[in-house]
mmCIF file of all heavy atoms, coordinates in Angstrom:
data_MODEL
# 
_entry.id   MODEL 
# 
loop_
_atom_site.group_PDB 
_atom_site.id 
_atom_site.type_symbol 
_atom_site.label_atom_id 
_atom_site.label_alt_id 
_atom_site.label_comp_id 
_atom_site.label_asym_id 
_atom_site.label_entity_id 
_atom_site.label_seq_id 
_atom_site.pdbx_PDB_ins_code 
_atom_site.Cartn_x 
_atom_site.Cartn_y 
_atom_site.Cartn_z 
_atom_site.occupancy 
_atom_site.B_iso_or_equiv 
_atom_site.pdbx_formal_charge 
_atom_site.auth_seq_id 
_atom_site.auth_comp_id 
_atom_site.auth_asym_id 
_atom_site.auth_atom_id 
_atom_site.pdbx_PDB_model_num 
ATOM 1   N N   . ASP A 1 1  ? 25.929 167.611 74.342 1.00 0.00 ? 1  ASP A N   1 
ATOM 2   C CA  . ASP A 1 1  ? 25.098 167.352 73.171 1.00 0.00 ? 1  ASP A CA  1 
ATOM 3   C C   . ASP A 1 1  ? 25.915 167.539 71.911 1.00 0.00 ? 1  ASP A C   1 
ATOM 4   O O   . ASP A 1 1  ? 26.397 168.509 71.581 1.00 0.00 ? 1  ASP A O   1 
ATOM 5   C CB  . ASP A 1 1  ? 23.904 168.397 73.092 1.00 0.00 ? 1  ASP A CB  1 
ATOM 6   C CG  . ASP A 1 1  ? 23.030 168.058 71.879 1.00 0.00 ? 1  ASP A CG  1 
ATOM 7   O OD1 . ASP A 1 1  ? 23.256 167.156 71.072 1.00 0.00 ? 1  ASP A OD1 1 
ATOM 8   O OD2 . ASP A 1 1  ? 22.012 168.903 71.804 1.00 0.00 ? 1  ASP A OD2 1 
ATOM 9   N N   . LEU A 1 2  ? 26.185 166.420 71.125 1.00 0.00 ? 2  LEU A N   1 
ATOM 10  C CA  . LEU A 1 2  ? 26.905 166.363 69.860 1.00 0.00 ? 2  LEU A CA  1 
ATOM 11  C C   . LEU A 1 2  ? 26.101 165.996 68.779 1.00 0.00 ? 2  LEU A C   1 
ATOM 12  O O   . LEU A 1 2  ? 26.546 165.585 67.803 1.00 0.00 ? 2  LEU A O   1 
ATOM 13  C CB  . LEU A 1 2  ? 28.070 165.427 70.013 1.00 0.00 ? 2  LEU A CB  1 
ATOM 14  C CG  . LEU A 1 2  ? 29.197 165.682 71.063 1.00 0.00 ? 2  LEU A CG  1 
ATOM 15  C CD1 . LEU A 1 2  ? 30.247 164.683 71.086 1.00 0.00 ? 2  LEU A CD1 1 
ATOM 16  C CD2 . LEU A 1 2  ? 29.791 167.002 70.919 1.00 0.00 ? 2  LEU A CD2 1 
ATOM 17  N N   . SER A 1 3  ? 24.750 166.224 68.796 1.00 0.00 ? 3  SER A N   1 
ATOM 18  C CA  . SER A 1 3  ? 23.808 165.784 67.670 1.00 0.00 ? 3  SER A CA  1 
ATOM 19  C C   . SER A 1 3  ? 24.097 166.566 66.449 1.00 0.00 ? 3  SER A C   1 
ATOM 20  O O   . SER A 1 3  ? 23.932 166.074 65.434 1.00 0.00 ? 3  SER A O   1 
ATOM 21  C CB  . SER A 1 3  ? 22.434 165.957 68.251 1.00 0.00 ? 3  SER A CB  1 
ATOM 22  O OG  . SER A 1 3  ? 22.144 167.347 68.565 1.00 0.00 ? 3  SER A OG  1 
ATOM 23  N N   . SER A 1 4  ? 24.581 167.794 66.483 1.00 0.00 ? 4  SER A N   1 
ATOM 24  C CA  . SER A 1 4  ? 24.841 168.555 65.209 1.00 0.00 ? 4  SER A CA  1 
ATOM 25  C C   . SER A 1 4  ? 26.266 168.583 64.878 1.00 0.00 ? 4  SER A C   1 
ATOM 26  O O   . SER A 1 4  ? 26.566 169.316 63.917 1.00 0.00 ? 4  SER A O   1 
ATOM 27  C CB  . SER A 1 4  ? 24.358 170.010 65.597 1.00 0.00 ? 4  SER A CB  1 
ATOM 28  O OG  . SER A 1 4  ? 25.003 170.666 66.539 1.00 0.00 ? 4  SER A OG  1 
ATOM 29  N N   . ALA A 1 5  ? 27.102 167.935 65.579 1.00 0.00 ? 5  ALA A N   1 
ATOM 30  C CA  . ALA A 1 5  ? 28.578 167.986 65.388 1.00 0.00 ? 5  ALA A CA  1 
ATOM 31  C C   . ALA A 1 5  ? 28.962 167.103 64.063 1.00 0.00 ? 5  ALA A C   1 
ATOM 32  O O   . ALA A 1 5  ? 28.361 166.119 63.694 1.00 0.00 ? 5  ALA A O   1 
ATOM 33  C CB  . ALA A 1 5  ? 29.232 167.505 66.530 1.00 0.00 ? 5  ALA A CB  1 
ATOM 34  N N   . THR A 1 6  ? 29.891 167.601 63.275 1.00 0.00 ? 6  THR A N   1 
ATOM 35  C CA  . THR A 1 6  ? 30.564 166.868 62.173 1.00 0.00 ? 6  THR A CA  1 
ATOM 36  C C   . THR A 1 6  ? 31.766 166.164 62.606 1.00 0.00 ? 6  THR A C   1 
ATOM 37  O O   . THR A 1 6  ? 32.238 165.228 62.042 1.00 0.00 ? 6  THR A O   1 
ATOM 38  C CB  . THR A 1 6  ? 30.745 167.664 61.024 1.00 0.00 ? 6  THR A CB  1 
ATOM 39  O OG1 . THR A 1 6  ? 31.493 168.932 61.432 1.00 0.00 ? 6  THR A OG1 1 
ATOM 40  C CG2 . THR A 1 6  ? 29.422 168.128 60.432 1.00 0.00 ? 6  THR A CG2 1 
ATOM 41  N N   . SER A 1 7  ? 32.428 166.673 63.707 1.00 0.00 ? 7  SER A N   1 
ATOM 42  C CA  . SER A 1 7  ? 33.641 166.038 64.255 1.00 0.00 ? 7  SER A CA  1 
ATOM 43  C C   . SER A 1 7  ? 33.826 166.499 65.709 1.00 0.00 ? 7  SER A C   1 
ATOM 44  O O   . SER A 1 7  ? 33.203 167.556 66.093 1.00 0.00 ? 7  SER A O   1 
ATOM 45  C CB  . SER A 1 7  ? 34.963 166.539 63.532 1.00 0.00 ? 7  SER A CB  1 
ATOM 46  O OG  . SER A 1 7  ? 35.113 167.893 63.614 1.00 0.00 ? 7  SER A OG  1 
ATOM 47  N N   . ALA A 1 8  ? 34.462 165.688 66.535 1.00 0.00 ? 8  ALA A N   1 
ATOM 48  C CA  . ALA A 1 8  ? 34.501 166.053 68.065 1.00 0.00 ? 8  ALA A CA  1 
ATOM 49  C C   . ALA A 1 8  ? 35.710 165.380 68.665 1.00 0.00 ? 8  ALA A C   1 
ATOM 50  O O   . ALA A 1 8  ? 36.228 164.339 68.261 1.00 0.00 ? 8  ALA A O   1 
ATOM 51  C CB  . ALA A 1 8  ? 33.253 165.520 68.723 1.00 0.00 ? 8  ALA A CB  1 
ATOM 52  N N   . THR A 1 9  ? 36.285 166.005 69.733 1.00 0.00 ? 9  THR A N   1 
ATOM 53  C CA  . THR A 1 9  ? 37.434 165.548 70.369 1.00 0.00 ? 9  THR A CA  1 
ATOM 54  C C   . THR A 1 9  ? 37.174 165.742 71.890 1.00 0.00 ? 9  THR A C   1 
ATOM 55  O O   . THR A 1 9  ? 36.500 166.654 72.274 1.00 0.00 ? 9  THR A O   1 
ATOM 56  C CB  . THR A 1 9  ? 38.738 166.150 70.043 1.00 0.00 ? 9  THR A CB  1 
ATOM 57  O OG1 . THR A 1 9  ? 38.617 167.681 70.250 1.00 0.00 ? 9  THR A OG1 1 
ATOM 58  C CG2 . THR A 1 9  ? 39.187 166.010 68.491 1.00 0.00 ? 9  THR A CG2 1 
ATOM 59  N N   . LEU A 1 10 ? 37.751 164.826 72.598 1.00 0.00 ? 10 LEU A N   1 
ATOM 60  C CA  . LEU A 1 10 ? 37.786 165.005 74.163 1.00 0.00 ? 10 LEU A CA  1 
ATOM 61  C C   . LEU A 1 10 ? 39.215 165.262 74.510 1.00 0.00 ? 10 LEU A C   1 
ATOM 62  O O   . LEU A 1 10 ? 40.170 164.519 74.065 1.00 0.00 ? 10 LEU A O   1 
ATOM 63  C CB  . LEU A 1 10 ? 37.330 163.775 74.821 1.00 0.00 ? 10 LEU A CB  1 
ATOM 64  C CG  . LEU A 1 10 ? 37.598 163.657 76.322 1.00 0.00 ? 10 LEU A CG  1 
ATOM 65  C CD1 . LEU A 1 10 ? 36.883 164.628 77.117 1.00 0.00 ? 10 LEU A CD1 1 
ATOM 66  C CD2 . LEU A 1 10 ? 37.293 162.180 76.760 1.00 0.00 ? 10 LEU A CD2 1 
ATOM 67  N N   . SER A 1 11 ? 39.381 166.236 75.362 1.00 0.00 ? 11 SER A N   1 
ATOM 68  C CA  . SER A 1 11 ? 40.841 166.365 75.914 1.00 0.00 ? 11 SER A CA  1 
ATOM 69  C C   . SER A 1 11 ? 40.763 166.741 77.388 1.00 0.00 ? 11 SER A C   1 
ATOM 70  O O   . SER A 1 11 ? 39.778 167.280 77.943 1.00 0.00 ? 11 SER A O   1 
ATOM 71  C CB  . SER A 1 11 ? 41.526 167.560 75.097 1.00 0.00 ? 11 SER A CB  1 
ATOM 72  O OG  . SER A 1 11 ? 40.864 168.781 75.196 1.00 0.00 ? 11 SER A OG  1 
ATOM 73  N N   . PHE A 1 12 ? 41.907 166.605 78.059 1.00 0.00 ? 12 PHE A N   1 
ATOM 74  C CA  . PHE A 1 12 ? 42.032 166.901 79.436 1.00 0.00 ? 12 PHE A CA  1 
ATOM 75  C C   . PHE A 1 12 ? 43.445 166.740 79.895 1.00 0.00 ? 12 PHE A C   1 
ATOM 76  O O   . PHE A 1 12 ? 44.313 166.171 79.100 1.00 0.00 ? 12 PHE A O   1 
ATOM 77  C CB  . PHE A 1 12 ? 41.132 165.998 80.314 1.00 0.00 ? 12 PHE A CB  1 
ATOM 78  C CG  . PHE A 1 12 ? 41.429 164.528 80.188 1.00 0.00 ? 12 PHE A CG  1 
ATOM 79  C CD1 . PHE A 1 12 ? 42.392 163.982 80.908 1.00 0.00 ? 12 PHE A CD1 1 
ATOM 80  C CD2 . PHE A 1 12 ? 40.563 163.775 79.434 1.00 0.00 ? 12 PHE A CD2 1 
ATOM 81  C CE1 . PHE A 1 12 ? 42.626 162.652 80.703 1.00 0.00 ? 12 PHE A CE1 1 
ATOM 82  C CE2 . PHE A 1 12 ? 40.881 162.416 79.289 1.00 0.00 ? 12 PHE A CE2 1 
ATOM 83  C CZ  . PHE A 1 12 ? 41.885 161.826 79.971 1.00 0.00 ? 12 PHE A CZ  1 
ATOM 84  N N   . THR A 1 13 ? 43.805 167.300 81.040 1.00 0.00 ? 13 THR A N   1 
ATOM 85  C CA  . THR A 1 13 ? 45.133 167.043 81.720 1.00 0.00 ? 13 THR A CA  1 
ATOM 86  C C   . THR A 1 13 ? 44.926 166.312 82.995 1.00 0.00 ? 13 THR A C   1 
ATOM 87  O O   . THR A 1 13 ? 43.852 166.352 83.445 1.00 0.00 ? 13 THR A O   1 
ATOM 88  C CB  . THR A 1 13 ? 45.842 168.323 81.993 1.00 0.00 ? 13 THR A CB  1 
ATOM 89  O OG1 . THR A 1 13 ? 45.071 169.149 82.800 1.00 0.00 ? 13 THR A OG1 1 
ATOM 90  C CG2 . THR A 1 13 ? 46.131 169.121 80.630 1.00 0.00 ? 13 THR A CG2 1 
ATOM 91  N N   . PHE A 1 14 ? 45.875 165.494 83.321 1.00 0.00 ? 14 PHE A N   1 
ATOM 92  C CA  . PHE A 1 14 ? 45.629 164.658 84.515 1.00 0.00 ? 14 PHE A CA  1 
ATOM 93  C C   . PHE A 1 14 ? 47.040 164.435 85.201 1.00 0.00 ? 14 PHE A C   1 
ATOM 94  O O   . PHE A 1 14 ? 48.075 164.553 84.678 1.00 0.00 ? 14 PHE A O   1 
ATOM 95  C CB  . PHE A 1 14 ? 45.089 163.300 84.323 1.00 0.00 ? 14 PHE A CB  1 
ATOM 96  C CG  . PHE A 1 14 ? 45.946 162.339 83.671 1.00 0.00 ? 14 PHE A CG  1 
ATOM 97  C CD1 . PHE A 1 14 ? 46.551 161.288 84.424 1.00 0.00 ? 14 PHE A CD1 1 
ATOM 98  C CD2 . PHE A 1 14 ? 46.349 162.328 82.329 1.00 0.00 ? 14 PHE A CD2 1 
ATOM 99  C CE1 . PHE A 1 14 ? 47.400 160.381 83.916 1.00 0.00 ? 14 PHE A CE1 1 
ATOM 100 C CE2 . PHE A 1 14 ? 47.175 161.361 81.711 1.00 0.00 ? 14 PHE A CE2 1 
ATOM 101 C CZ  . PHE A 1 14 ? 47.681 160.371 82.580 1.00 0.00 ? 14 PHE A CZ  1 
ATOM 102 N N   . THR A 1 15 ? 46.907 164.262 86.575 1.00 0.00 ? 15 THR A N   1 
ATOM 103 C CA  . THR A 1 15 ? 48.012 163.967 87.423 1.00 0.00 ? 15 THR A CA  1 
ATOM 104 C C   . THR A 1 15 ? 47.619 162.721 88.325 1.00 0.00 ? 15 THR A C   1 
ATOM 105 O O   . THR A 1 15 ? 46.483 162.480 88.670 1.00 0.00 ? 15 THR A O   1 
ATOM 106 C CB  . THR A 1 15 ? 48.570 165.036 88.288 1.00 0.00 ? 15 THR A CB  1 
ATOM 107 O OG1 . THR A 1 15 ? 47.399 165.489 89.118 1.00 0.00 ? 15 THR A OG1 1 
ATOM 108 C CG2 . THR A 1 15 ? 49.014 166.260 87.346 1.00 0.00 ? 15 THR A CG2 1 
ATOM 109 N N   . THR A 1 16 ? 48.591 161.960 88.653 1.00 0.00 ? 16 THR A N   1 
ATOM 110 C CA  . THR A 1 16 ? 48.321 160.795 89.664 1.00 0.00 ? 16 THR A CA  1 
ATOM 111 C C   . THR A 1 16 ? 49.006 161.005 90.918 1.00 0.00 ? 16 THR A C   1 
ATOM 112 O O   . THR A 1 16 ? 50.148 161.754 90.999 1.00 0.00 ? 16 THR A O   1 
ATOM 113 C CB  . THR A 1 16 ? 48.758 159.558 89.018 1.00 0.00 ? 16 THR A CB  1 
ATOM 114 O OG1 . THR A 1 16 ? 50.277 159.496 88.709 1.00 0.00 ? 16 THR A OG1 1 
ATOM 115 C CG2 . THR A 1 16 ? 47.950 159.303 87.596 1.00 0.00 ? 16 THR A CG2 1 
ATOM 116 N N   . ALA A 1 17 ? 48.529 160.417 91.954 1.00 0.00 ? 17 ALA A N   1 
ATOM 117 C CA  . ALA A 1 17 ? 49.110 160.429 93.337 1.00 0.00 ? 17 ALA A CA  1 
ATOM 118 C C   . ALA A 1 17 ? 49.292 158.950 93.891 1.00 0.00 ? 17 ALA A C   1 
ATOM 119 O O   . ALA A 1 17 ? 48.216 158.410 94.164 1.00 0.00 ? 17 ALA A O   1 
ATOM 120 C CB  . ALA A 1 17 ? 48.397 161.333 94.222 1.00 0.00 ? 17 ALA A CB  1 
ATOM 121 N N   . ASN A 1 18 ? 50.466 158.554 93.951 1.00 0.00 ? 18 ASN A N   1 
ATOM 122 C CA  . ASN A 1 18 ? 50.816 157.267 94.603 1.00 0.00 ? 18 ASN A CA  1 
ATOM 123 C C   . ASN A 1 18 ? 50.104 156.042 93.980 1.00 0.00 ? 18 ASN A C   1 
ATOM 124 O O   . ASN A 1 18 ? 49.875 154.969 94.650 1.00 0.00 ? 18 ASN A O   1 
ATOM 125 C CB  . ASN A 1 18 ? 50.414 157.327 96.149 1.00 0.00 ? 18 ASN A CB  1 
ATOM 126 C CG  . ASN A 1 18 ? 51.043 158.602 96.805 1.00 0.00 ? 18 ASN A CG  1 
ATOM 127 O OD1 . ASN A 1 18 ? 52.185 158.673 96.797 1.00 0.00 ? 18 ASN A OD1 1 
ATOM 128 N ND2 . ASN A 1 18 ? 50.151 159.389 97.491 1.00 0.00 ? 18 ASN A ND2 1 
ATOM 129 N N   . LEU A 1 19 ? 49.838 156.154 92.680 1.00 0.00 ? 19 LEU A N   1 
ATOM 130 C CA  . LEU A 1 19 ? 49.251 154.988 92.056 1.00 0.00 ? 19 LEU A CA  1 
ATOM 131 C C   . LEU A 1 19 ? 50.293 153.994 91.670 1.00 0.00 ? 19 LEU A C   1 
ATOM 132 O O   . LEU A 1 19 ? 51.456 154.219 91.436 1.00 0.00 ? 19 LEU A O   1 
ATOM 133 C CB  . LEU A 1 19 ? 48.488 155.455 90.795 1.00 0.00 ? 19 LEU A CB  1 
ATOM 134 C CG  . LEU A 1 19 ? 47.286 156.265 90.981 1.00 0.00 ? 19 LEU A CG  1 
ATOM 135 C CD1 . LEU A 1 19 ? 46.637 156.407 89.550 1.00 0.00 ? 19 LEU A CD1 1 
ATOM 136 C CD2 . LEU A 1 19 ? 46.350 155.761 91.898 1.00 0.00 ? 19 LEU A CD2 1 
ATOM 137 N N   . GLU A 1 20 ? 49.777 152.639 91.696 1.00 0.00 ? 20 GLU A N   1 
ATOM 138 C CA  . GLU A 1 20 ? 50.650 151.506 91.230 1.00 0.00 ? 20 GLU A CA  1 
ATOM 139 C C   . GLU A 1 20 ? 50.198 150.976 89.874 1.00 0.00 ? 20 GLU A C   1 
ATOM 140 O O   . GLU A 1 20 ? 48.975 151.435 89.473 1.00 0.00 ? 20 GLU A O   1 
ATOM 141 C CB  . GLU A 1 20 ? 50.663 150.417 92.261 1.00 0.00 ? 20 GLU A CB  1 
ATOM 142 C CG  . GLU A 1 20 ? 51.257 151.007 93.609 1.00 0.00 ? 20 GLU A CG  1 
ATOM 143 C CD  . GLU A 1 20 ? 50.939 149.998 94.801 1.00 0.00 ? 20 GLU A CD  1 
ATOM 144 O OE1 . GLU A 1 20 ? 50.081 149.014 94.486 1.00 0.00 ? 20 GLU A OE1 1 
ATOM 145 O OE2 . GLU A 1 20 ? 51.591 150.194 95.814 1.00 0.00 ? 20 GLU A OE2 1 
ATOM 146 N N   . ALA A 1 21 ? 50.774 150.128 89.213 1.00 0.00 ? 21 ALA A N   1 
ATOM 147 C CA  . ALA A 1 21 ? 50.398 149.539 88.005 1.00 0.00 ? 21 ALA A CA  1 
ATOM 148 C C   . ALA A 1 21 ? 49.112 148.997 88.071 1.00 0.00 ? 21 ALA A C   1 
ATOM 149 O O   . ALA A 1 21 ? 48.276 148.933 86.977 1.00 0.00 ? 21 ALA A O   1 
ATOM 150 C CB  . ALA A 1 21 ? 51.454 148.608 87.430 1.00 0.00 ? 21 ALA A CB  1 
ATOM 151 N N   . ALA A 1 22 ? 48.745 148.378 89.190 1.00 0.00 ? 22 ALA A N   1 
ATOM 152 C CA  . ALA A 1 22 ? 47.430 147.575 89.343 1.00 0.00 ? 22 ALA A CA  1 
ATOM 153 C C   . ALA A 1 22 ? 46.227 148.513 89.588 1.00 0.00 ? 22 ALA A C   1 
ATOM 154 O O   . ALA A 1 22 ? 45.082 148.157 89.500 1.00 0.00 ? 22 ALA A O   1 
ATOM 155 C CB  . ALA A 1 22 ? 47.513 146.630 90.453 1.00 0.00 ? 22 ALA A CB  1 
ATOM 156 N N   . ASP A 1 23 ? 46.493 149.820 89.924 1.00 0.00 ? 23 ASP A N   1 
ATOM 157 C CA  . ASP A 1 23 ? 45.425 150.827 89.987 1.00 0.00 ? 23 ASP A CA  1 
ATOM 158 C C   . ASP A 1 23 ? 44.971 151.310 88.799 1.00 0.00 ? 23 ASP A C   1 
ATOM 159 O O   . ASP A 1 23 ? 45.805 152.112 87.986 1.00 0.00 ? 23 ASP A O   1 
ATOM 160 C CB  . ASP A 1 23 ? 46.028 151.938 91.048 1.00 0.00 ? 23 ASP A CB  1 
ATOM 161 C CG  . ASP A 1 23 ? 46.465 151.528 92.306 1.00 0.00 ? 23 ASP A CG  1 
ATOM 162 O OD1 . ASP A 1 23 ? 45.701 150.604 92.919 1.00 0.00 ? 23 ASP A OD1 1 
ATOM 163 O OD2 . ASP A 1 23 ? 47.588 151.970 92.820 1.00 0.00 ? 23 ASP A OD2 1 
ATOM 164 N N   . THR A 1 24 ? 43.865 151.070 88.441 1.00 0.00 ? 24 THR A N   1 
ATOM 165 C CA  . THR A 1 24 ? 43.412 151.402 87.040 1.00 0.00 ? 24 THR A CA  1 
ATOM 166 C C   . THR A 1 24 ? 42.072 152.205 86.986 1.00 0.00 ? 24 THR A C   1 
ATOM 167 O O   . THR A 1 24 ? 41.208 151.903 87.842 1.00 0.00 ? 24 THR A O   1 
ATOM 168 C CB  . THR A 1 24 ? 43.204 150.117 86.109 1.00 0.00 ? 24 THR A CB  1 
ATOM 169 O OG1 . THR A 1 24 ? 42.288 149.323 86.669 1.00 0.00 ? 24 THR A OG1 1 
ATOM 170 C CG2 . THR A 1 24 ? 44.503 149.403 85.862 1.00 0.00 ? 24 THR A CG2 1 
# 
């Protein structure tokens, strides 16, 4: 719920396993 927000950001960390360029 961001109805009362004046600013907002999304953040996360991620890792990949055996992905190729075509894997999106």
